[in-house]
Structure formats: structure tokens, C-alpha cells
Amino acid sequence: MDSDDRAFRFINARNAIDEFDVLGEEAVLLKVRSELKSLVEEGDMEACEVLGTYLSVLRGDHVEEAVRLLSLAADSGRGAAAHNLGTLYFPLDKSLSRKAYERAYELGTEQQICSDPLWWKRINSDDSRAPSQSPPISDAPPASAPQPAPWADTTESQVYSSLHRSSPFPERCSRKHQA
């Protein structure tokens, strides 16, 4: 399959997902599968990741196929697939979830998407917090507080006065705001 056809299939699949509210779950699933099936069969790991992720969101009867596709993609080095696999496993098997998040961390994905990339290390078998919820606060020292913008203390009158002086049409500025 040439790269233009591959790109066209991904665009069609993503457009179908964007039209979920209009088309409905089954129509979108059929469209996404039809667009990505040949790519998945050819071993395209991005297609496995996209289809697996979509199926993981649907859950229900699609969990086994989602696990298979996401596992293939994660095993090939796709970190987002490993993260999504961890999210899919979370309510089912905490130890498998942890392993998938660990793989995502090894691939650099957790560092890119989480403020605390090691949050998954605190998943216990009795932990009921879902991965989509806020991760626990890190033991790392807090980042320095952001500095206020230079204009933070500026009054509205000062802003309008500044605009009036720099405006090519000062007569359009309200006189009540002039300094």
C-alpha cells in the first residue's frame, strides 16, 4: 500500500471517529475497521494503536480485540499504545495495568503526558483510583511559582492611556480613560 493510500485511510478513520455523535457507535466502528483493517493485517503498528485505542473506548465485546491490537503496538515500541493498554487493564487487572504503564514509561510516553510520570508505581491491588483521575501529588519539590505578568498591576485607566498614546487615531479613544 502506498503512503498516500495509507494517509487517506487514517484520515477517513479519524473523520469517522469525529462524527461519532452523528453516525453512532456501530457505524463508526464499521467505518474505522474498514479503513484500518488492511493496514492492521499488513502489520502497521500505528493502525493497530489507533484501532485498538478506539475499541478500548467502546469496551464491551471489543475488549479482547483492543487488548490484542494494543499489545501488538506496545510490543513494537509504541508508548501511547502501552499507556492505553494500562488504562484498559486498570479496572480488570491492576498488575497488568502497572506493567503496561511501566512499558509506557520505558518508552518515554508517561514523561510526555503526565506531570508525575511515576504515578503508576503507586497502583496497588486495592487502589480504586482510575488512571484518568488526577495522579497523587509527587514527592518532588514544587516548581517555582510563576512570576506575575508585567502588566498584572496595571489599571484599566493606564491601559487605555497607553492605547491612546500609541493609537494612530487617538480621537477614537474615550476621553474618560485618558491620563
N, C-alpha and C. Protein backbone atom coordinates (compact mmCIF):
# COMPACT_ATOMS: atom_id res chain seq x y z
N MET A 1 0.86 -1.16 0.00
CA MET A 1 0.00 0.00 0.00
C MET A 1 0.91 1.23 0.00
N ASP A 2 0.62 2.17 -0.88
CA ASP A 2 1.47 3.35 -0.93
C ASP A 2 1.12 4.33 0.20
N SER A 3 2.02 5.27 0.43
CA SER A 3 1.86 6.18 1.58
C SER A 3 0.64 7.09 1.44
N ASP A 4 0.27 7.44 0.22
CA ASP A 4 -0.92 8.29 0.03
C ASP A 4 -2.19 7.54 0.42
N ASP A 5 -2.27 6.26 0.01
CA ASP A 5 -3.44 5.45 0.36
C ASP A 5 -3.51 5.23 1.87
N ARG A 6 -2.34 5.00 2.49
CA ARG A 6 -2.27 4.82 3.95
C ARG A 6 -2.77 6.08 4.65
N ALA A 7 -2.27 7.23 4.23
CA ALA A 7 -2.69 8.50 4.84
C ALA A 7 -4.18 8.73 4.65
N PHE A 8 -4.69 8.40 3.46
CA PHE A 8 -6.11 8.57 3.17
C PHE A 8 -6.96 7.70 4.11
N ARG A 9 -6.52 6.48 4.38
CA ARG A 9 -7.26 5.58 5.27
C ARG A 9 -7.30 6.12 6.70
N PHE A 10 -6.17 6.65 7.16
CA PHE A 10 -6.13 7.24 8.50
C PHE A 10 -7.04 8.46 8.59
N ILE A 11 -7.02 9.28 7.58
CA ILE A 11 -7.89 10.47 7.58
C ILE A 11 -9.35 10.04 7.63
N ASN A 12 -9.73 9.07 6.81
CA ASN A 12 -11.11 8.59 6.82
C ASN A 12 -11.50 8.00 8.17
N ALA A 13 -10.60 7.22 8.78
CA ALA A 13 -10.89 6.62 10.08
C ALA A 13 -11.05 7.71 11.14
N ARG A 14 -10.17 8.67 11.17
CA ARG A 14 -10.25 9.73 12.17
C ARG A 14 -11.47 10.62 11.95
N ASN A 15 -11.81 10.87 10.69
CA ASN A 15 -13.03 11.64 10.41
C ASN A 15 -14.27 10.91 10.90
N ALA A 16 -14.28 9.58 10.73
CA ALA A 16 -15.42 8.78 11.22
C ALA A 16 -15.53 8.88 12.73
N ILE A 17 -14.40 8.81 13.43
CA ILE A 17 -14.42 8.92 14.89
C ILE A 17 -14.95 10.30 15.30
N ASP A 18 -14.55 11.33 14.56
CA ASP A 18 -15.03 12.68 14.86
C ASP A 18 -16.54 12.82 14.66
N GLU A 19 -17.13 11.96 13.82
CA GLU A 19 -18.56 12.02 13.54
C GLU A 19 -19.37 11.04 14.39
N PHE A 20 -18.79 10.59 15.49
CA PHE A 20 -19.42 9.59 16.35
C PHE A 20 -20.84 9.99 16.74
N ASP A 21 -21.03 11.25 17.15
CA ASP A 21 -22.35 11.70 17.59
C ASP A 21 -23.38 11.63 16.48
N VAL A 22 -22.95 11.81 15.25
CA VAL A 22 -23.87 11.80 14.11
C VAL A 22 -24.13 10.38 13.62
N LEU A 23 -23.06 9.61 13.46
CA LEU A 23 -23.18 8.28 12.87
C LEU A 23 -23.61 7.19 13.85
N GLY A 24 -23.18 7.31 15.09
CA GLY A 24 -23.47 6.27 16.09
C GLY A 24 -22.34 5.27 16.17
N GLU A 25 -22.30 4.54 17.28
CA GLU A 25 -21.19 3.64 17.60
C GLU A 25 -20.93 2.58 16.54
N GLU A 26 -21.95 1.85 16.13
CA GLU A 26 -21.74 0.74 15.19
C GLU A 26 -21.29 1.22 13.82
N ALA A 27 -21.87 2.33 13.33
CA ALA A 27 -21.48 2.85 12.01
C ALA A 27 -20.04 3.32 12.03
N VAL A 28 -19.64 3.98 13.10
CA VAL A 28 -18.26 4.44 13.22
C VAL A 28 -17.32 3.25 13.31
N LEU A 29 -17.67 2.26 14.09
CA LEU A 29 -16.83 1.07 14.23
C LEU A 29 -16.64 0.39 12.87
N LEU A 30 -17.71 0.23 12.11
CA LEU A 30 -17.60 -0.38 10.79
C LEU A 30 -16.68 0.43 9.88
N LYS A 31 -16.83 1.74 9.91
CA LYS A 31 -16.01 2.62 9.07
C LYS A 31 -14.54 2.55 9.47
N VAL A 32 -14.27 2.65 10.77
CA VAL A 32 -12.89 2.63 11.25
C VAL A 32 -12.25 1.28 10.92
N ARG A 33 -12.97 0.20 11.17
CA ARG A 33 -12.44 -1.14 10.86
C ARG A 33 -12.17 -1.29 9.37
N SER A 34 -13.11 -0.83 8.54
CA SER A 34 -12.93 -1.00 7.09
C SER A 34 -11.73 -0.20 6.60
N GLU A 35 -11.48 0.97 7.18
CA GLU A 35 -10.35 1.79 6.74
C GLU A 35 -9.02 1.23 7.23
N LEU A 36 -8.98 0.68 8.43
CA LEU A 36 -7.71 0.27 9.03
C LEU A 36 -7.41 -1.22 8.94
N LYS A 37 -8.41 -2.03 8.57
CA LYS A 37 -8.24 -3.49 8.58
C LYS A 37 -7.05 -3.94 7.74
N SER A 38 -6.94 -3.46 6.52
CA SER A 38 -5.84 -3.91 5.66
C SER A 38 -4.49 -3.45 6.22
N LEU A 39 -4.45 -2.28 6.82
CA LEU A 39 -3.20 -1.79 7.42
C LEU A 39 -2.81 -2.66 8.62
N VAL A 40 -3.79 -3.02 9.42
CA VAL A 40 -3.53 -3.89 10.58
C VAL A 40 -3.02 -5.25 10.09
N GLU A 41 -3.64 -5.79 9.06
CA GLU A 41 -3.23 -7.09 8.51
C GLU A 41 -1.82 -7.04 7.94
N GLU A 42 -1.41 -5.86 7.45
CA GLU A 42 -0.05 -5.70 6.91
C GLU A 42 0.97 -5.47 8.03
N GLY A 43 0.49 -5.36 9.27
CA GLY A 43 1.40 -5.17 10.39
C GLY A 43 1.72 -3.72 10.70
N ASP A 44 0.88 -2.79 10.25
CA ASP A 44 1.09 -1.37 10.54
C ASP A 44 0.75 -1.12 12.01
N MET A 45 1.76 -0.83 12.81
CA MET A 45 1.56 -0.69 14.25
C MET A 45 0.80 0.57 14.63
N GLU A 46 0.90 1.62 13.83
CA GLU A 46 0.10 2.82 14.11
C GLU A 46 -1.38 2.50 13.93
N ALA A 47 -1.69 1.73 12.90
CA ALA A 47 -3.09 1.32 12.68
C ALA A 47 -3.57 0.44 13.83
N CYS A 48 -2.71 -0.46 14.32
CA CYS A 48 -3.07 -1.29 15.48
C CYS A 48 -3.36 -0.41 16.68
N GLU A 49 -2.51 0.60 16.88
CA GLU A 49 -2.70 1.50 18.02
C GLU A 49 -4.01 2.29 17.91
N VAL A 50 -4.28 2.85 16.74
CA VAL A 50 -5.49 3.66 16.56
C VAL A 50 -6.75 2.81 16.72
N LEU A 51 -6.79 1.66 16.03
CA LEU A 51 -7.97 0.80 16.13
C LEU A 51 -8.11 0.22 17.53
N GLY A 52 -7.00 -0.20 18.13
CA GLY A 52 -7.05 -0.74 19.50
C GLY A 52 -7.53 0.30 20.50
N THR A 53 -7.05 1.53 20.34
CA THR A 53 -7.48 2.60 21.24
C THR A 53 -8.97 2.87 21.08
N TYR A 54 -9.43 2.92 19.84
CA TYR A 54 -10.86 3.16 19.61
C TYR A 54 -11.69 2.03 20.22
N LEU A 55 -11.27 0.80 20.02
CA LEU A 55 -12.01 -0.34 20.58
C LEU A 55 -11.97 -0.33 22.10
N SER A 56 -10.87 0.14 22.69
CA SER A 56 -10.77 0.18 24.15
C SER A 56 -11.75 1.19 24.74
N VAL A 57 -12.04 2.23 23.99
CA VAL A 57 -13.01 3.22 24.46
C VAL A 57 -14.42 2.63 24.43
N LEU A 58 -14.69 1.80 23.42
CA LEU A 58 -16.02 1.19 23.31
C LEU A 58 -16.25 0.13 24.38
N ARG A 59 -15.16 -0.55 24.80
CA ARG A 59 -15.20 -1.62 25.80
C ARG A 59 -16.15 -2.73 25.36
N GLY A 60 -17.01 -3.20 26.24
CA GLY A 60 -17.97 -4.25 25.90
C GLY A 60 -17.34 -5.45 25.22
N ASP A 61 -17.92 -5.84 24.08
CA ASP A 61 -17.47 -7.01 23.32
C ASP A 61 -16.13 -6.79 22.63
N HIS A 62 -15.60 -5.57 22.68
CA HIS A 62 -14.41 -5.24 21.92
C HIS A 62 -13.12 -5.29 22.73
N VAL A 63 -13.20 -5.64 24.01
CA VAL A 63 -12.04 -5.59 24.89
C VAL A 63 -10.94 -6.54 24.42
N GLU A 64 -11.29 -7.76 24.06
CA GLU A 64 -10.26 -8.73 23.67
C GLU A 64 -9.49 -8.26 22.44
N GLU A 65 -10.21 -7.76 21.45
CA GLU A 65 -9.54 -7.28 20.25
C GLU A 65 -8.71 -6.04 20.56
N ALA A 66 -9.21 -5.17 21.42
CA ALA A 66 -8.46 -3.98 21.82
C ALA A 66 -7.16 -4.38 22.51
N VAL A 67 -7.22 -5.35 23.42
CA VAL A 67 -6.03 -5.83 24.13
C VAL A 67 -5.03 -6.41 23.13
N ARG A 68 -5.51 -7.20 22.19
CA ARG A 68 -4.62 -7.82 21.20
C ARG A 68 -3.91 -6.75 20.36
N LEU A 69 -4.66 -5.78 19.86
CA LEU A 69 -4.07 -4.75 19.00
C LEU A 69 -3.14 -3.83 19.78
N LEU A 70 -3.56 -3.40 20.96
CA LEU A 70 -2.72 -2.52 21.76
C LEU A 70 -1.45 -3.23 22.22
N SER A 71 -1.56 -4.53 22.53
CA SER A 71 -0.38 -5.31 22.93
C SER A 71 0.61 -5.41 21.78
N LEU A 72 0.12 -5.66 20.57
CA LEU A 72 1.00 -5.71 19.40
C LEU A 72 1.73 -4.38 19.21
N ALA A 73 0.97 -3.30 19.29
CA ALA A 73 1.57 -1.98 19.09
C ALA A 73 2.55 -1.63 20.21
N ALA A 74 2.18 -1.93 21.45
CA ALA A 74 3.07 -1.64 22.58
C ALA A 74 4.35 -2.47 22.49
N ASP A 75 4.22 -3.74 22.12
CA ASP A 75 5.39 -4.61 21.98
C ASP A 75 6.33 -4.14 20.87
N SER A 76 5.78 -3.39 19.91
CA SER A 76 6.62 -2.89 18.82
C SER A 76 7.25 -1.54 19.17
N GLY A 77 6.96 -1.02 20.38
CA GLY A 77 7.59 0.22 20.82
C GLY A 77 6.72 1.46 20.76
N ARG A 78 5.43 1.30 20.63
CA ARG A 78 4.53 2.46 20.60
C ARG A 78 4.05 2.74 22.03
N GLY A 79 4.60 3.79 22.61
CA GLY A 79 4.34 4.13 24.01
C GLY A 79 2.90 4.49 24.31
N ALA A 80 2.25 5.20 23.38
CA ALA A 80 0.84 5.57 23.61
C ALA A 80 -0.03 4.32 23.68
N ALA A 81 0.31 3.31 22.89
CA ALA A 81 -0.44 2.05 22.94
C ALA A 81 -0.25 1.39 24.30
N ALA A 82 0.97 1.44 24.83
CA ALA A 82 1.23 0.85 26.15
C ALA A 82 0.43 1.59 27.22
N HIS A 83 0.41 2.93 27.13
CA HIS A 83 -0.37 3.72 28.10
C HIS A 83 -1.86 3.37 28.00
N ASN A 84 -2.38 3.30 26.79
CA ASN A 84 -3.80 2.99 26.60
C ASN A 84 -4.12 1.57 27.06
N LEU A 85 -3.17 0.67 26.89
CA LEU A 85 -3.35 -0.70 27.39
C LEU A 85 -3.43 -0.70 28.91
N GLY A 86 -2.59 0.10 29.55
CA GLY A 86 -2.64 0.22 31.02
C GLY A 86 -3.98 0.75 31.48
N THR A 87 -4.50 1.72 30.75
CA THR A 87 -5.81 2.30 31.09
C THR A 87 -6.92 1.27 30.91
N LEU A 88 -6.82 0.48 29.86
CA LEU A 88 -7.82 -0.56 29.60
C LEU A 88 -7.77 -1.65 30.67
N TYR A 89 -6.56 -2.04 31.07
CA TYR A 89 -6.40 -3.09 32.08
C TYR A 89 -6.80 -2.63 33.49
N PHE A 90 -6.73 -1.34 33.75
CA PHE A 90 -6.85 -0.84 35.12
C PHE A 90 -8.00 -1.44 35.91
N PRO A 91 -9.24 -1.39 35.42
CA PRO A 91 -10.33 -1.96 36.24
C PRO A 91 -10.34 -3.49 36.25
N LEU A 92 -9.60 -4.10 35.33
CA LEU A 92 -9.63 -5.55 35.19
C LEU A 92 -8.52 -6.26 35.96
N ASP A 93 -7.30 -5.72 35.85
CA ASP A 93 -6.14 -6.38 36.45
C ASP A 93 -5.07 -5.33 36.74
N LYS A 94 -4.93 -4.97 38.01
CA LYS A 94 -4.01 -3.89 38.40
C LYS A 94 -2.55 -4.23 38.09
N SER A 95 -2.14 -5.51 38.22
CA SER A 95 -0.74 -5.84 37.96
C SER A 95 -0.43 -5.72 36.47
N LEU A 96 -1.35 -6.13 35.60
CA LEU A 96 -1.15 -5.96 34.16
C LEU A 96 -1.16 -4.47 33.79
N SER A 97 -2.01 -3.73 34.48
CA SER A 97 -2.06 -2.29 34.26
C SER A 97 -0.72 -1.65 34.58
N ARG A 98 -0.18 -2.02 35.72
CA ARG A 98 1.14 -1.50 36.14
C ARG A 98 2.23 -1.84 35.13
N LYS A 99 2.22 -3.06 34.64
CA LYS A 99 3.23 -3.48 33.66
C LYS A 99 3.11 -2.67 32.37
N ALA A 100 1.89 -2.42 31.96
CA ALA A 100 1.69 -1.64 30.73
C ALA A 100 2.15 -0.20 30.93
N TYR A 101 1.83 0.40 32.10
CA TYR A 101 2.31 1.76 32.37
C TYR A 101 3.83 1.80 32.49
N GLU A 102 4.41 0.75 33.05
CA GLU A 102 5.87 0.68 33.15
C GLU A 102 6.49 0.67 31.76
N ARG A 103 5.88 -0.09 30.85
CA ARG A 103 6.36 -0.13 29.46
C ARG A 103 6.22 1.25 28.82
N ALA A 104 5.12 1.92 29.07
CA ALA A 104 4.92 3.28 28.53
C ALA A 104 5.98 4.22 29.08
N TYR A 105 6.33 4.04 30.35
CA TYR A 105 7.37 4.86 30.96
C TYR A 105 8.72 4.59 30.30
N GLU A 106 9.03 3.31 30.09
CA GLU A 106 10.29 2.94 29.44
C GLU A 106 10.40 3.54 28.04
N LEU A 107 9.25 3.67 27.37
CA LEU A 107 9.23 4.22 26.02
C LEU A 107 9.17 5.75 26.00
N GLY A 108 9.07 6.37 27.19
CA GLY A 108 9.08 7.83 27.28
C GLY A 108 7.72 8.50 27.21
N THR A 109 6.67 7.72 27.10
CA THR A 109 5.33 8.30 26.95
C THR A 109 4.82 8.93 28.23
N GLU A 110 4.99 8.26 29.36
CA GLU A 110 4.48 8.81 30.62
C GLU A 110 5.12 10.15 30.94
N GLN A 111 6.41 10.30 30.59
CA GLN A 111 7.09 11.57 30.84
C GLN A 111 6.51 12.69 30.00
N GLN A 112 5.97 12.36 28.84
CA GLN A 112 5.41 13.36 27.95
C GLN A 112 4.00 13.76 28.33
N ILE A 113 3.23 12.87 28.92
CA ILE A 113 1.82 13.16 29.13
C ILE A 113 1.41 13.34 30.58
N CYS A 114 2.31 13.07 31.53
CA CYS A 114 1.94 13.15 32.94
C CYS A 114 2.85 14.13 33.68
N SER A 115 2.25 14.91 34.55
CA SER A 115 3.06 15.80 35.38
C SER A 115 3.86 15.00 36.40
N ASP A 116 3.40 13.83 36.75
CA ASP A 116 4.11 12.93 37.65
C ASP A 116 4.24 11.59 36.92
N PRO A 117 5.29 11.41 36.10
CA PRO A 117 5.37 10.23 35.25
C PRO A 117 5.52 8.90 35.98
N LEU A 118 5.78 8.93 37.28
CA LEU A 118 5.90 7.68 38.04
C LEU A 118 4.67 7.39 38.89
N TRP A 119 3.58 8.07 38.63
CA TRP A 119 2.37 7.90 39.43
C TRP A 119 1.90 6.45 39.45
N TRP A 120 2.09 5.74 38.35
CA TRP A 120 1.60 4.36 38.22
C TRP A 120 2.29 3.42 39.19
N LYS A 121 3.45 3.81 39.73
CA LYS A 121 4.14 2.93 40.69
C LYS A 121 3.35 2.79 41.99
N ARG A 122 2.42 3.69 42.22
CA ARG A 122 1.63 3.65 43.45
C ARG A 122 0.30 2.90 43.27
N ILE A 123 0.12 2.23 42.15
CA ILE A 123 -1.09 1.44 41.95
C ILE A 123 -0.96 0.16 42.77
N ASN A 124 -1.87 -0.03 43.69
CA ASN A 124 -1.91 -1.26 44.49
C ASN A 124 -3.12 -2.07 44.07
N SER A 125 -3.16 -3.29 44.48
CA SER A 125 -4.30 -4.13 44.12
C SER A 125 -5.60 -3.61 44.70
N ASP A 126 -5.52 -2.84 45.79
CA ASP A 126 -6.75 -2.32 46.39
C ASP A 126 -6.99 -0.85 46.03
N ASP A 127 -6.20 -0.30 45.10
CA ASP A 127 -6.33 1.11 44.70
C ASP A 127 -7.51 1.24 43.74
N SER A 128 -8.47 2.04 44.09
CA SER A 128 -9.65 2.19 43.24
C SER A 128 -9.60 3.45 42.39
N ARG A 129 -8.53 4.24 42.50
CA ARG A 129 -8.45 5.48 41.73
C ARG A 129 -8.18 5.12 40.27
N ALA A 130 -8.98 5.60 39.39
CA ALA A 130 -8.81 5.34 37.97
C ALA A 130 -7.66 6.17 37.41
N PRO A 131 -6.97 5.67 36.39
CA PRO A 131 -5.86 6.41 35.82
C PRO A 131 -6.26 7.77 35.26
N SER A 132 -7.49 7.93 34.86
CA SER A 132 -7.91 9.21 34.29
C SER A 132 -8.09 10.27 35.37
N GLN A 133 -8.13 9.86 36.64
CA GLN A 133 -8.24 10.84 37.71
C GLN A 133 -6.89 11.45 37.98
N SER A 134 -6.88 12.53 38.71
CA SER A 134 -5.63 13.21 39.00
C SER A 134 -4.67 12.28 39.72
N PRO A 135 -3.41 12.25 39.26
CA PRO A 135 -2.43 11.42 39.95
C PRO A 135 -2.10 12.01 41.31
N PRO A 136 -1.58 11.19 42.21
CA PRO A 136 -1.23 11.71 43.52
C PRO A 136 -0.14 12.77 43.40
N ILE A 137 -0.05 13.61 44.41
CA ILE A 137 0.96 14.64 44.41
C ILE A 137 2.33 14.00 44.54
N SER A 138 3.26 14.47 43.76
CA SER A 138 4.61 13.91 43.74
C SER A 138 5.38 14.33 44.99
N ASP A 139 6.38 13.50 45.36
CA ASP A 139 7.27 13.84 46.46
C ASP A 139 8.33 14.83 46.03
N ALA A 140 8.40 15.12 44.74
CA ALA A 140 9.41 16.04 44.22
C ALA A 140 9.15 17.45 44.76
N PRO A 141 10.20 18.26 44.89
CA PRO A 141 9.99 19.63 45.37
C PRO A 141 9.13 20.39 44.37
N PRO A 142 8.28 21.30 44.87
CA PRO A 142 7.40 22.03 43.97
C PRO A 142 8.20 22.94 43.04
N ALA A 143 7.68 23.11 41.85
CA ALA A 143 8.30 24.02 40.90
C ALA A 143 8.15 25.44 41.42
N SER A 144 9.05 26.30 40.99
CA SER A 144 8.95 27.68 41.46
C SER A 144 7.64 28.29 40.97
N ALA A 145 7.10 29.17 41.78
CA ALA A 145 5.82 29.79 41.45
C ALA A 145 6.00 30.68 40.23
N PRO A 146 5.01 30.69 39.35
CA PRO A 146 5.13 31.54 38.17
C PRO A 146 5.14 33.01 38.58
N GLN A 147 5.92 33.77 37.87
CA GLN A 147 6.01 35.20 38.14
C GLN A 147 4.81 35.90 37.52
N PRO A 148 4.29 36.93 38.19
CA PRO A 148 3.15 37.64 37.61
C PRO A 148 3.56 38.35 36.32
N ALA A 149 2.62 38.46 35.43
CA ALA A 149 2.88 39.16 34.17
C ALA A 149 3.24 40.61 34.47
N PRO A 150 4.08 41.23 33.63
CA PRO A 150 4.50 42.60 33.91
C PRO A 150 3.34 43.59 33.94
N TRP A 151 2.24 43.24 33.34
CA TRP A 151 1.10 44.14 33.30
C TRP A 151 0.07 43.84 34.39
N ALA A 152 0.39 42.93 35.29
CA ALA A 152 -0.58 42.49 36.30
C ALA A 152 -1.06 43.63 37.20
N ASP A 153 -0.19 44.60 37.52
CA ASP A 153 -0.58 45.70 38.40
C ASP A 153 -1.14 46.90 37.64
N THR A 154 -1.22 46.78 36.34
CA THR A 154 -1.66 47.90 35.51
C THR A 154 -3.17 48.07 35.65
N THR A 155 -3.59 49.31 35.84
CA THR A 155 -5.02 49.58 35.94
C THR A 155 -5.62 49.74 34.56
N GLU A 156 -6.92 49.60 34.49
CA GLU A 156 -7.61 49.77 33.21
C GLU A 156 -7.33 51.15 32.63
N SER A 157 -7.31 52.17 33.47
CA SER A 157 -7.05 53.54 33.02
C SER A 157 -5.67 53.65 32.38
N GLN A 158 -4.67 52.99 32.99
CA GLN A 158 -3.32 53.04 32.42
C GLN A 158 -3.26 52.34 31.07
N VAL A 159 -4.00 51.24 30.93
CA VAL A 159 -4.04 50.53 29.66
C VAL A 159 -4.62 51.41 28.58
N TYR A 160 -5.78 52.03 28.88
CA TYR A 160 -6.41 52.89 27.88
C TYR A 160 -5.55 54.10 27.57
N SER A 161 -4.87 54.63 28.58
CA SER A 161 -3.99 55.77 28.35
C SER A 161 -2.86 55.37 27.41
N SER A 162 -2.30 54.20 27.63
CA SER A 162 -1.22 53.70 26.78
C SER A 162 -1.73 53.50 25.35
N LEU A 163 -2.92 52.93 25.22
CA LEU A 163 -3.52 52.73 23.90
C LEU A 163 -3.74 54.07 23.21
N HIS A 164 -4.20 55.04 23.98
CA HIS A 164 -4.50 56.36 23.42
C HIS A 164 -3.22 56.98 22.85
N ARG A 165 -2.13 56.89 23.61
CA ARG A 165 -0.87 57.50 23.15
C ARG A 165 -0.32 56.79 21.92
N SER A 166 -0.50 55.47 21.82
CA SER A 166 0.08 54.73 20.71
C SER A 166 -0.87 54.58 19.53
N SER A 167 -2.10 54.98 19.68
CA SER A 167 -3.08 54.81 18.63
C SER A 167 -2.87 55.81 17.49
N PRO A 168 -2.98 55.37 16.25
CA PRO A 168 -2.90 56.31 15.13
C PRO A 168 -4.16 57.18 15.06
N PHE A 169 -5.20 56.78 15.79
CA PHE A 169 -6.45 57.54 15.81
C PHE A 169 -6.82 57.85 17.24
N PRO A 170 -6.07 58.75 17.93
CA PRO A 170 -6.32 58.99 19.35
C PRO A 170 -7.72 59.54 19.63
N GLU A 171 -8.33 60.15 18.63
CA GLU A 171 -9.67 60.70 18.85
C GLU A 171 -10.70 59.60 19.06
N ARG A 172 -10.39 58.36 18.69
CA ARG A 172 -11.33 57.25 18.87
C ARG A 172 -11.29 56.69 20.28
N CYS A 173 -10.28 57.04 21.06
CA CYS A 173 -10.19 56.58 22.44
C CYS A 173 -11.09 57.45 23.30
N SER A 174 -11.73 56.82 24.25
CA SER A 174 -12.62 57.56 25.15
C SER A 174 -11.81 58.52 26.01
N ARG A 175 -12.31 59.74 26.17
CA ARG A 175 -11.62 60.76 26.96
C ARG A 175 -11.61 60.37 28.44
N LYS A 176 -12.58 59.61 28.91
CA LYS A 176 -12.62 59.29 30.33
C LYS A 176 -11.44 58.43 30.76
N HIS A 177 -10.79 57.73 29.80
CA HIS A 177 -9.68 56.86 30.13
C HIS A 177 -8.33 57.54 29.92
N GLN A 178 -8.31 58.76 29.43
CA GLN A 178 -7.04 59.44 29.21
C GLN A 178 -6.45 59.86 30.53
N ALA A 179 -5.13 59.74 30.65
CA ALA A 179 -4.45 60.10 31.91
C ALA A 179 -4.26 61.60 32.01
